[in-house]
N, C-alpha and C. Protein backbone atom coordinates (compact mmCIF):
# COMPACT_ATOMS: atom_id res chain seq x y z
N MET A 1 13.80 -16.34 11.91
CA MET A 1 14.64 -15.96 10.79
C MET A 1 14.69 -14.50 10.65
N THR A 2 15.77 -13.91 10.38
CA THR A 2 15.88 -12.52 10.12
C THR A 2 16.43 -12.32 8.68
N GLY A 3 15.80 -11.36 7.99
CA GLY A 3 16.19 -11.06 6.63
C GLY A 3 17.27 -10.02 6.53
N GLY A 4 17.83 -9.53 7.68
CA GLY A 4 18.87 -8.52 7.63
C GLY A 4 18.40 -7.22 7.13
N HIS A 5 17.13 -6.84 7.40
CA HIS A 5 16.58 -5.58 6.92
C HIS A 5 16.94 -4.36 7.76
N ARG A 6 17.38 -4.58 8.98
CA ARG A 6 17.64 -3.55 9.91
C ARG A 6 18.63 -2.49 9.38
N PRO A 7 19.83 -2.88 8.80
CA PRO A 7 20.71 -1.84 8.30
C PRO A 7 20.10 -0.92 7.25
N ALA A 8 19.38 -1.48 6.28
CA ALA A 8 18.76 -0.68 5.24
C ALA A 8 17.68 0.19 5.82
N LEU A 9 16.85 -0.34 6.69
CA LEU A 9 15.82 0.41 7.34
C LEU A 9 16.36 1.60 8.20
N SER A 10 17.54 1.38 8.83
CA SER A 10 18.09 2.41 9.67
C SER A 10 18.45 3.65 8.85
N LEU A 11 18.71 3.51 7.59
CA LEU A 11 19.08 4.62 6.75
C LEU A 11 17.84 5.54 6.46
N LEU A 12 16.65 5.09 6.76
CA LEU A 12 15.50 5.87 6.42
C LEU A 12 15.09 6.78 7.56
N GLY A 13 15.71 6.70 8.72
CA GLY A 13 15.45 7.61 9.84
C GLY A 13 14.06 7.53 10.40
N LEU A 14 13.53 6.27 10.49
CA LEU A 14 12.17 6.02 10.98
C LEU A 14 12.23 5.86 12.53
N PRO A 15 11.13 6.19 13.15
CA PRO A 15 11.04 5.95 14.65
C PRO A 15 11.23 4.45 14.86
N ALA A 16 11.82 4.12 15.97
CA ALA A 16 12.23 2.78 16.33
C ALA A 16 11.07 1.74 16.25
N GLU A 17 9.86 2.13 16.77
CA GLU A 17 8.80 1.17 16.74
C GLU A 17 8.28 0.96 15.31
N VAL A 18 8.34 1.97 14.47
CA VAL A 18 7.90 1.83 13.08
C VAL A 18 8.93 0.93 12.31
N ALA A 19 10.22 1.18 12.56
CA ALA A 19 11.29 0.40 11.90
C ALA A 19 11.18 -1.07 12.32
N ALA A 20 10.83 -1.35 13.61
CA ALA A 20 10.71 -2.68 14.10
C ALA A 20 9.51 -3.41 13.42
N ALA A 21 8.41 -2.70 13.32
CA ALA A 21 7.26 -3.27 12.65
C ALA A 21 7.56 -3.59 11.14
N LEU A 22 8.24 -2.63 10.49
CA LEU A 22 8.59 -2.90 9.11
C LEU A 22 9.63 -4.00 8.98
N GLU A 23 10.52 -4.14 9.88
CA GLU A 23 11.45 -5.25 9.85
C GLU A 23 10.75 -6.56 10.04
N THR A 24 9.79 -6.64 10.89
CA THR A 24 8.99 -7.85 11.07
C THR A 24 8.26 -8.26 9.79
N TYR A 25 7.61 -7.23 9.16
CA TYR A 25 6.93 -7.44 7.92
C TYR A 25 7.88 -7.92 6.84
N LEU A 26 8.97 -7.26 6.64
CA LEU A 26 9.93 -7.66 5.58
C LEU A 26 10.57 -8.99 5.85
N ASP A 27 10.86 -9.38 7.12
CA ASP A 27 11.33 -10.67 7.35
C ASP A 27 10.34 -11.76 7.05
N LEU A 28 9.05 -11.52 7.41
CA LEU A 28 7.99 -12.46 7.07
C LEU A 28 7.82 -12.52 5.53
N LEU A 29 7.89 -11.42 4.85
CA LEU A 29 7.81 -11.43 3.39
C LEU A 29 8.89 -12.24 2.76
N ALA A 30 10.12 -12.07 3.28
CA ALA A 30 11.26 -12.88 2.73
C ALA A 30 11.05 -14.35 2.94
N ALA A 31 10.53 -14.72 4.10
CA ALA A 31 10.23 -16.13 4.37
C ALA A 31 9.19 -16.67 3.46
N TRP A 32 8.07 -15.92 3.31
CA TRP A 32 6.97 -16.41 2.46
C TRP A 32 7.38 -16.35 1.00
N ASN A 33 8.20 -15.45 0.61
CA ASN A 33 8.56 -15.35 -0.82
C ASN A 33 9.32 -16.62 -1.36
N ALA A 34 9.81 -17.40 -0.44
CA ALA A 34 10.47 -18.65 -0.85
C ALA A 34 9.45 -19.66 -1.34
N ARG A 35 8.16 -19.51 -0.90
CA ARG A 35 7.07 -20.45 -1.26
C ARG A 35 6.05 -19.81 -2.20
N VAL A 36 5.82 -18.52 -2.04
CA VAL A 36 4.82 -17.81 -2.77
C VAL A 36 5.46 -16.63 -3.43
N ASN A 37 5.37 -16.47 -4.76
CA ASN A 37 5.98 -15.35 -5.39
C ASN A 37 5.29 -14.05 -5.00
N LEU A 38 5.84 -13.32 -4.08
CA LEU A 38 5.30 -12.06 -3.58
C LEU A 38 6.02 -10.86 -4.15
N THR A 39 7.33 -11.01 -4.41
CA THR A 39 8.13 -9.88 -4.85
C THR A 39 9.37 -10.38 -5.57
N GLY A 40 9.84 -9.58 -6.56
CA GLY A 40 11.06 -9.88 -7.22
C GLY A 40 12.26 -9.30 -6.46
N ALA A 41 12.05 -8.53 -5.44
CA ALA A 41 13.11 -7.96 -4.61
C ALA A 41 13.67 -9.10 -3.81
N SER A 42 14.88 -9.51 -4.15
CA SER A 42 15.38 -10.75 -3.58
C SER A 42 16.38 -10.58 -2.40
N ASP A 43 16.75 -9.40 -2.05
CA ASP A 43 17.66 -9.14 -0.97
C ASP A 43 17.14 -8.03 -0.08
N PRO A 44 17.65 -7.97 1.14
CA PRO A 44 17.09 -6.91 2.08
C PRO A 44 17.13 -5.52 1.56
N GLU A 45 18.21 -5.11 0.93
CA GLU A 45 18.37 -3.75 0.45
C GLU A 45 17.30 -3.41 -0.61
N SER A 46 17.16 -4.32 -1.54
CA SER A 46 16.10 -4.08 -2.62
C SER A 46 14.67 -4.11 -2.05
N ARG A 47 14.43 -5.04 -1.03
CA ARG A 47 13.07 -5.00 -0.42
C ARG A 47 12.82 -3.67 0.27
N VAL A 48 13.80 -3.17 0.99
CA VAL A 48 13.56 -1.86 1.68
C VAL A 48 13.41 -0.77 0.61
N SER A 49 14.27 -0.75 -0.43
CA SER A 49 14.18 0.27 -1.49
C SER A 49 12.82 0.27 -2.17
N TRP A 50 12.49 -0.91 -2.71
CA TRP A 50 11.22 -0.97 -3.51
C TRP A 50 9.96 -0.91 -2.72
N LEU A 51 9.92 -1.56 -1.50
CA LEU A 51 8.68 -1.71 -0.82
C LEU A 51 8.49 -0.65 0.29
N VAL A 52 9.51 -0.06 0.78
CA VAL A 52 9.39 0.88 1.88
C VAL A 52 9.76 2.29 1.48
N ALA A 53 11.03 2.47 1.00
CA ALA A 53 11.53 3.83 0.64
C ALA A 53 10.70 4.41 -0.48
N GLU A 54 10.29 3.57 -1.41
CA GLU A 54 9.42 4.01 -2.51
C GLU A 54 8.10 4.59 -2.04
N VAL A 55 7.65 4.12 -0.93
CA VAL A 55 6.36 4.57 -0.42
C VAL A 55 6.37 5.79 0.48
N LEU A 56 7.53 6.08 1.07
CA LEU A 56 7.67 7.22 1.99
C LEU A 56 7.15 8.55 1.45
N PRO A 57 7.47 8.91 0.17
CA PRO A 57 6.97 10.19 -0.32
C PRO A 57 5.44 10.34 -0.36
N ALA A 58 4.74 9.20 -0.37
CA ALA A 58 3.28 9.22 -0.49
C ALA A 58 2.72 9.76 0.87
N LEU A 59 3.42 9.61 1.91
CA LEU A 59 2.86 10.06 3.22
C LEU A 59 2.41 11.55 3.16
N ALA A 60 3.11 12.35 2.38
CA ALA A 60 2.75 13.78 2.26
C ALA A 60 1.35 13.95 1.62
N TRP A 61 0.90 12.99 0.91
CA TRP A 61 -0.41 13.08 0.25
C TRP A 61 -1.53 12.38 0.94
N ILE A 62 -1.23 11.62 1.97
CA ILE A 62 -2.28 10.86 2.68
C ILE A 62 -3.07 11.87 3.61
N GLN A 63 -4.40 11.74 3.45
CA GLN A 63 -5.24 12.62 4.26
C GLN A 63 -5.64 11.84 5.58
N PRO A 64 -6.10 12.59 6.59
CA PRO A 64 -6.56 11.86 7.77
C PRO A 64 -7.68 10.92 7.46
N GLY A 65 -7.77 9.84 8.18
CA GLY A 65 -8.85 8.87 7.94
C GLY A 65 -8.39 7.59 7.34
N PRO A 66 -9.35 6.72 7.05
CA PRO A 66 -9.03 5.42 6.59
C PRO A 66 -8.33 5.37 5.24
N LEU A 67 -7.65 4.21 4.96
CA LEU A 67 -6.96 4.04 3.74
C LEU A 67 -7.47 2.65 3.15
N LEU A 68 -7.70 2.64 1.87
CA LEU A 68 -8.06 1.45 1.13
C LEU A 68 -7.06 1.17 0.11
N ASP A 69 -6.42 -0.01 0.18
CA ASP A 69 -5.43 -0.45 -0.83
C ASP A 69 -6.01 -1.59 -1.72
N ILE A 70 -5.91 -1.34 -3.01
CA ILE A 70 -6.48 -2.26 -4.00
C ILE A 70 -5.41 -3.08 -4.61
N GLY A 71 -5.60 -4.44 -4.60
CA GLY A 71 -4.67 -5.37 -5.11
C GLY A 71 -3.38 -5.37 -4.30
N SER A 72 -3.57 -5.57 -3.03
CA SER A 72 -2.47 -5.39 -2.05
C SER A 72 -1.24 -6.25 -2.23
N GLY A 73 -1.41 -7.47 -2.83
CA GLY A 73 -0.31 -8.33 -3.15
C GLY A 73 0.68 -8.57 -2.01
N ASN A 74 1.85 -7.95 -2.11
CA ASN A 74 2.89 -8.11 -1.11
C ASN A 74 2.80 -7.12 0.03
N GLY A 75 1.86 -6.23 -0.02
CA GLY A 75 1.68 -5.30 1.07
C GLY A 75 2.17 -3.86 0.81
N SER A 76 2.80 -3.66 -0.32
CA SER A 76 3.28 -2.33 -0.62
C SER A 76 2.48 -1.76 -1.82
N PRO A 77 1.78 -0.64 -1.64
CA PRO A 77 2.05 0.39 -0.65
C PRO A 77 1.13 0.33 0.57
N GLY A 78 -0.05 -0.35 0.51
CA GLY A 78 -1.05 -0.21 1.58
C GLY A 78 -0.60 -0.66 2.98
N PHE A 79 -0.07 -1.83 3.07
CA PHE A 79 0.35 -2.36 4.38
C PHE A 79 1.47 -1.50 4.93
N VAL A 80 2.42 -1.13 4.07
CA VAL A 80 3.56 -0.33 4.48
C VAL A 80 3.07 1.02 5.00
N LEU A 81 2.15 1.65 4.27
CA LEU A 81 1.62 2.95 4.73
C LEU A 81 0.91 2.83 6.07
N ALA A 82 0.18 1.72 6.27
CA ALA A 82 -0.47 1.48 7.56
C ALA A 82 0.59 1.44 8.67
N LEU A 83 1.77 0.92 8.42
CA LEU A 83 2.78 0.84 9.47
C LEU A 83 3.53 2.19 9.63
N LEU A 84 3.59 3.00 8.58
CA LEU A 84 4.27 4.26 8.64
C LEU A 84 3.51 5.38 9.27
N ARG A 85 2.15 5.32 9.30
CA ARG A 85 1.33 6.41 9.85
C ARG A 85 0.75 5.97 11.15
N PRO A 86 0.24 6.92 11.89
CA PRO A 86 -0.47 6.57 13.17
C PRO A 86 -1.61 5.62 12.83
N PRO A 87 -1.88 4.72 13.82
CA PRO A 87 -2.92 3.72 13.57
C PRO A 87 -4.21 4.37 13.05
N ALA A 88 -4.66 3.90 11.94
CA ALA A 88 -5.93 4.36 11.33
C ALA A 88 -6.46 3.11 10.57
N ARG A 89 -7.72 3.00 10.45
CA ARG A 89 -8.39 1.89 9.74
C ARG A 89 -7.75 1.77 8.35
N THR A 90 -7.20 0.62 8.02
CA THR A 90 -6.64 0.33 6.72
C THR A 90 -7.24 -0.98 6.26
N THR A 91 -7.76 -0.93 5.01
CA THR A 91 -8.34 -2.11 4.42
C THR A 91 -7.53 -2.48 3.21
N LEU A 92 -7.09 -3.72 3.19
CA LEU A 92 -6.30 -4.23 2.11
C LEU A 92 -7.21 -5.24 1.30
N LEU A 93 -7.37 -5.00 -0.03
CA LEU A 93 -8.12 -5.83 -0.89
C LEU A 93 -7.18 -6.70 -1.73
N GLU A 94 -7.26 -8.00 -1.54
CA GLU A 94 -6.39 -8.93 -2.30
C GLU A 94 -7.20 -10.15 -2.64
N PRO A 95 -7.55 -10.36 -3.93
CA PRO A 95 -8.37 -11.50 -4.26
C PRO A 95 -7.63 -12.86 -4.33
N ARG A 96 -6.31 -12.85 -4.53
CA ARG A 96 -5.58 -14.09 -4.63
C ARG A 96 -5.31 -14.72 -3.27
N THR A 97 -5.69 -15.98 -3.09
CA THR A 97 -5.70 -16.66 -1.82
C THR A 97 -4.36 -16.59 -1.10
N LYS A 98 -3.30 -16.98 -1.76
CA LYS A 98 -2.00 -17.08 -1.06
C LYS A 98 -1.52 -15.68 -0.63
N ARG A 99 -1.75 -14.65 -1.44
CA ARG A 99 -1.32 -13.33 -1.02
C ARG A 99 -2.20 -12.80 0.10
N TRP A 100 -3.52 -13.07 0.05
CA TRP A 100 -4.40 -12.71 1.08
C TRP A 100 -3.97 -13.31 2.38
N ALA A 101 -3.57 -14.65 2.36
CA ALA A 101 -3.19 -15.34 3.52
C ALA A 101 -1.92 -14.71 4.14
N PHE A 102 -0.95 -14.33 3.23
CA PHE A 102 0.26 -13.67 3.67
C PHE A 102 -0.04 -12.33 4.42
N LEU A 103 -0.92 -11.50 3.80
CA LEU A 103 -1.24 -10.25 4.34
C LEU A 103 -1.94 -10.41 5.75
N ARG A 104 -2.84 -11.33 5.84
CA ARG A 104 -3.52 -11.61 7.15
C ARG A 104 -2.48 -12.02 8.17
N GLU A 105 -1.55 -12.87 7.82
CA GLU A 105 -0.52 -13.28 8.74
C GLU A 105 0.41 -12.06 9.09
N ALA A 106 0.72 -11.28 8.15
CA ALA A 106 1.52 -10.09 8.39
C ALA A 106 0.87 -9.08 9.42
N ALA A 107 -0.42 -8.91 9.19
CA ALA A 107 -1.18 -7.99 10.09
C ALA A 107 -1.25 -8.55 11.51
N ARG A 108 -1.43 -9.91 11.59
CA ARG A 108 -1.45 -10.54 12.92
C ARG A 108 -0.08 -10.47 13.57
N THR A 109 0.99 -10.74 12.77
CA THR A 109 2.32 -10.82 13.36
C THR A 109 2.81 -9.47 13.87
N VAL A 110 2.46 -8.39 13.18
CA VAL A 110 2.89 -7.04 13.69
C VAL A 110 1.90 -6.49 14.72
N GLY A 111 0.81 -7.16 14.95
CA GLY A 111 -0.06 -6.79 16.00
C GLY A 111 -0.92 -5.53 15.70
N ARG A 112 -1.35 -5.40 14.46
CA ARG A 112 -2.07 -4.16 14.06
C ARG A 112 -3.54 -4.50 13.73
N ALA A 113 -4.42 -4.51 14.74
CA ALA A 113 -5.77 -4.87 14.63
C ALA A 113 -6.55 -3.97 13.66
N GLU A 114 -6.08 -2.76 13.44
CA GLU A 114 -6.79 -1.78 12.54
C GLU A 114 -6.55 -2.13 11.09
N ILE A 115 -5.69 -3.11 10.81
CA ILE A 115 -5.50 -3.51 9.38
C ILE A 115 -6.42 -4.65 9.07
N GLU A 116 -7.32 -4.48 8.15
CA GLU A 116 -8.28 -5.49 7.78
C GLU A 116 -7.87 -5.99 6.37
N VAL A 117 -7.83 -7.28 6.19
CA VAL A 117 -7.46 -7.83 4.91
C VAL A 117 -8.66 -8.63 4.37
N LEU A 118 -9.15 -8.27 3.20
CA LEU A 118 -10.29 -8.90 2.62
C LEU A 118 -9.89 -9.56 1.34
N ARG A 119 -10.40 -10.77 1.07
CA ARG A 119 -10.18 -11.47 -0.16
C ARG A 119 -11.25 -11.11 -1.17
N LEU A 120 -11.03 -9.85 -1.71
CA LEU A 120 -11.98 -9.29 -2.67
C LEU A 120 -11.25 -8.47 -3.74
N ARG A 121 -11.93 -8.33 -4.84
CA ARG A 121 -11.55 -7.37 -5.84
C ARG A 121 -12.19 -6.05 -5.52
N HIS A 122 -11.69 -4.94 -6.10
CA HIS A 122 -12.28 -3.64 -5.79
C HIS A 122 -13.75 -3.50 -6.15
N ASP A 123 -14.14 -4.19 -7.22
CA ASP A 123 -15.51 -4.09 -7.60
C ASP A 123 -16.46 -5.01 -6.86
N GLU A 124 -15.92 -5.75 -5.88
CA GLU A 124 -16.72 -6.60 -4.97
C GLU A 124 -16.81 -5.92 -3.57
N TYR A 125 -16.05 -4.91 -3.36
CA TYR A 125 -15.95 -4.24 -2.02
C TYR A 125 -17.24 -3.48 -1.75
N GLY A 126 -17.85 -3.77 -0.60
CA GLY A 126 -19.12 -3.15 -0.23
C GLY A 126 -18.98 -2.19 0.94
N GLY A 127 -17.76 -1.89 1.36
CA GLY A 127 -17.56 -1.05 2.53
C GLY A 127 -17.68 0.43 2.17
N LEU A 128 -17.49 1.23 3.19
CA LEU A 128 -17.56 2.66 2.98
C LEU A 128 -16.43 3.20 2.13
N PRO A 129 -16.72 4.12 1.25
CA PRO A 129 -15.69 4.73 0.41
C PRO A 129 -14.64 5.41 1.36
N ALA A 130 -13.42 5.34 0.95
CA ALA A 130 -12.27 5.87 1.77
C ALA A 130 -11.75 7.25 1.27
N PRO A 131 -11.22 8.02 2.14
CA PRO A 131 -10.59 9.28 1.78
C PRO A 131 -9.19 9.09 1.14
N ASN A 132 -8.65 7.91 1.28
CA ASN A 132 -7.34 7.57 0.73
C ASN A 132 -7.45 6.17 0.08
N VAL A 133 -7.06 6.13 -1.27
CA VAL A 133 -7.12 4.88 -1.97
C VAL A 133 -5.77 4.76 -2.64
N THR A 134 -5.17 3.60 -2.50
CA THR A 134 -3.83 3.33 -3.16
C THR A 134 -3.86 2.12 -4.04
N LEU A 135 -2.98 2.11 -5.02
CA LEU A 135 -2.76 0.91 -5.82
C LEU A 135 -1.46 1.01 -6.55
N ARG A 136 -0.88 -0.19 -6.82
CA ARG A 136 0.36 -0.30 -7.54
C ARG A 136 0.26 -1.43 -8.57
N ALA A 137 0.81 -1.18 -9.74
CA ALA A 137 0.95 -2.23 -10.76
C ALA A 137 -0.39 -2.84 -11.13
N LEU A 138 -1.44 -2.04 -11.16
CA LEU A 138 -2.77 -2.46 -11.65
C LEU A 138 -3.22 -1.52 -12.74
N ALA A 139 -3.58 -2.05 -13.86
CA ALA A 139 -4.02 -1.19 -14.96
C ALA A 139 -5.54 -1.18 -14.94
N LEU A 140 -6.08 -0.44 -13.97
CA LEU A 140 -7.52 -0.33 -13.85
C LEU A 140 -7.96 1.06 -14.40
N PRO A 141 -9.08 1.16 -15.09
CA PRO A 141 -9.61 2.48 -15.44
C PRO A 141 -9.93 3.26 -14.17
N LEU A 142 -9.48 4.45 -14.03
CA LEU A 142 -9.69 5.19 -12.78
C LEU A 142 -11.13 5.35 -12.47
N GLY A 143 -11.99 5.48 -13.48
CA GLY A 143 -13.46 5.64 -13.25
C GLY A 143 -14.04 4.44 -12.50
N SER A 144 -13.46 3.28 -12.66
CA SER A 144 -13.97 2.08 -11.96
C SER A 144 -13.64 2.11 -10.49
N LEU A 145 -12.92 3.11 -9.98
CA LEU A 145 -12.59 3.24 -8.58
C LEU A 145 -13.48 4.22 -7.86
N ALA A 146 -14.39 4.84 -8.60
CA ALA A 146 -15.23 5.88 -8.01
C ALA A 146 -16.02 5.41 -6.82
N ALA A 147 -16.50 4.16 -6.88
CA ALA A 147 -17.36 3.65 -5.78
C ALA A 147 -16.60 3.43 -4.43
N VAL A 148 -15.28 3.30 -4.54
CA VAL A 148 -14.47 3.04 -3.36
C VAL A 148 -13.79 4.28 -2.80
N ALA A 149 -13.89 5.37 -3.53
CA ALA A 149 -13.24 6.66 -3.10
C ALA A 149 -14.28 7.62 -2.71
N ALA A 150 -14.17 8.17 -1.50
CA ALA A 150 -15.11 9.18 -0.99
C ALA A 150 -14.97 10.48 -1.79
N PRO A 151 -16.00 11.35 -1.85
CA PRO A 151 -15.81 12.66 -2.44
C PRO A 151 -14.64 13.36 -1.82
N GLY A 152 -13.77 13.92 -2.62
CA GLY A 152 -12.55 14.61 -2.13
C GLY A 152 -11.41 13.71 -1.87
N ALA A 153 -11.59 12.38 -2.05
CA ALA A 153 -10.54 11.38 -1.79
C ALA A 153 -9.33 11.66 -2.69
N ARG A 154 -8.20 11.17 -2.16
CA ARG A 154 -6.99 11.15 -2.95
C ARG A 154 -6.76 9.70 -3.40
N LEU A 155 -6.45 9.54 -4.68
CA LEU A 155 -6.13 8.22 -5.23
C LEU A 155 -4.65 8.28 -5.58
N LEU A 156 -3.81 7.46 -4.96
CA LEU A 156 -2.42 7.42 -5.18
C LEU A 156 -2.05 6.18 -5.95
N VAL A 157 -1.52 6.39 -7.20
CA VAL A 157 -1.23 5.29 -8.10
C VAL A 157 0.25 5.28 -8.25
N PHE A 158 0.86 4.14 -7.90
CA PHE A 158 2.28 3.93 -7.96
C PHE A 158 2.60 3.25 -9.28
N GLY A 159 3.39 3.93 -10.13
CA GLY A 159 3.78 3.35 -11.43
C GLY A 159 2.70 3.47 -12.48
N GLY A 160 3.04 2.90 -13.64
CA GLY A 160 2.12 2.96 -14.76
C GLY A 160 2.01 4.26 -15.38
N HIS A 161 0.98 4.40 -16.21
CA HIS A 161 0.67 5.66 -16.93
C HIS A 161 -0.81 5.93 -16.88
N PRO A 162 -1.35 6.09 -15.65
CA PRO A 162 -2.84 6.29 -15.59
C PRO A 162 -3.23 7.64 -16.13
N ARG A 163 -4.42 7.62 -16.78
CA ARG A 163 -5.00 8.83 -17.38
C ARG A 163 -6.11 9.34 -16.52
N PRO A 164 -6.18 10.66 -16.38
CA PRO A 164 -7.33 11.20 -15.57
C PRO A 164 -8.65 10.73 -16.23
N GLU A 165 -9.57 10.39 -15.39
CA GLU A 165 -10.87 9.88 -15.89
C GLU A 165 -11.90 10.29 -14.76
N ALA A 166 -13.03 10.85 -15.20
CA ALA A 166 -14.03 11.27 -14.26
C ALA A 166 -14.36 10.12 -13.29
N PRO A 167 -14.50 10.39 -12.05
CA PRO A 167 -14.55 11.70 -11.37
C PRO A 167 -13.19 12.17 -10.83
N PHE A 168 -12.05 11.61 -11.33
CA PHE A 168 -10.76 11.96 -10.84
C PHE A 168 -9.99 12.90 -11.69
N ALA A 169 -9.35 13.88 -11.08
CA ALA A 169 -8.49 14.82 -11.77
C ALA A 169 -7.06 14.68 -11.25
N LEU A 170 -6.11 14.81 -12.12
CA LEU A 170 -4.68 14.70 -11.63
C LEU A 170 -4.40 15.92 -10.78
N GLU A 171 -3.88 15.66 -9.59
CA GLU A 171 -3.44 16.69 -8.69
C GLU A 171 -1.93 16.92 -8.69
N ALA A 172 -1.18 15.86 -8.80
CA ALA A 172 0.26 15.99 -8.79
C ALA A 172 0.89 14.69 -9.30
N GLU A 173 2.19 14.82 -9.65
CA GLU A 173 3.02 13.63 -9.98
C GLU A 173 4.37 13.87 -9.37
N ALA A 174 4.92 12.76 -8.99
CA ALA A 174 6.28 12.85 -8.36
C ALA A 174 7.15 11.65 -8.85
N SER A 175 8.38 11.95 -9.06
CA SER A 175 9.35 10.87 -9.34
C SER A 175 9.78 10.17 -8.06
N LEU A 176 9.75 8.89 -8.10
CA LEU A 176 10.22 8.09 -7.02
C LEU A 176 11.51 7.38 -7.41
N PRO A 177 12.23 6.80 -6.51
CA PRO A 177 13.51 6.19 -6.88
C PRO A 177 13.35 5.14 -7.98
N ASN A 178 12.25 4.39 -7.96
CA ASN A 178 12.13 3.29 -8.95
C ASN A 178 10.92 3.42 -9.89
N SER A 179 10.09 4.42 -9.72
CA SER A 179 8.88 4.62 -10.56
C SER A 179 8.34 6.02 -10.40
N ARG A 180 7.06 6.17 -10.58
CA ARG A 180 6.40 7.48 -10.46
C ARG A 180 5.18 7.32 -9.55
N LEU A 181 4.86 8.37 -8.85
CA LEU A 181 3.61 8.49 -8.04
C LEU A 181 2.72 9.41 -8.76
N HIS A 182 1.47 8.99 -9.03
CA HIS A 182 0.44 9.85 -9.65
C HIS A 182 -0.67 10.05 -8.58
N VAL A 183 -0.97 11.36 -8.31
CA VAL A 183 -1.91 11.65 -7.29
C VAL A 183 -3.10 12.25 -7.94
N PHE A 184 -4.26 11.65 -7.71
CA PHE A 184 -5.54 12.13 -8.31
C PHE A 184 -6.46 12.57 -7.14
N ARG A 185 -7.30 13.46 -7.42
CA ARG A 185 -8.30 13.89 -6.44
C ARG A 185 -9.71 13.64 -7.02
N ARG A 186 -10.50 13.01 -6.19
CA ARG A 186 -11.92 12.73 -6.65
C ARG A 186 -12.75 14.01 -6.43
N GLY A 187 -13.53 14.38 -7.45
CA GLY A 187 -14.39 15.52 -7.30
C GLY A 187 -15.36 15.38 -6.16
N CYS A 188 -15.80 16.45 -5.61
CA CYS A 188 -16.65 16.40 -4.42
C CYS A 188 -18.12 16.12 -4.78
N SER A 189 -18.49 16.19 -6.01
CA SER A 189 -19.90 15.81 -6.35
C SER A 189 -20.01 14.32 -6.54
N THR A 190 -21.14 13.78 -6.30
CA THR A 190 -21.36 12.37 -6.41
C THR A 190 -21.94 11.99 -7.73
């Protein structure tokens, strides 16, 4: 099944292999969305706009090294960022079983072994803190994310109205086509 994502993706000027992986992901998302509520974006253009184009500006803020996405849900922003950047360890945390299953299938289908999908909440994660942490549509106190963010890490929050909270300081904000990106930096002291 194809979701017809290629025309909308072609407007983003992405390398062919990246666009192909994103198309595979979006087609799978469209198929799963018929059974599991993963996104309200119901057509190819809105899926590309909301889930991919909305994430592109965040690439400028991603540091080298692993990425940890909290509450990964439908895969945006974490899974999409993993496909947009050179292969680097990406860990997606999704506690809801059906969404976790979708993300595991998406990682398998696009053939990206460096994408790990864990059925955990952020406060259950016992892995190494990451230099890049992302989340969307979660109203979590920023201080509760300190354990998963390495000193000097960037925390990218898509949407909402997050307030700076120790150990995170606001570094930048950017308007996105459909929301806002809030970039926080974790202090280097532990």
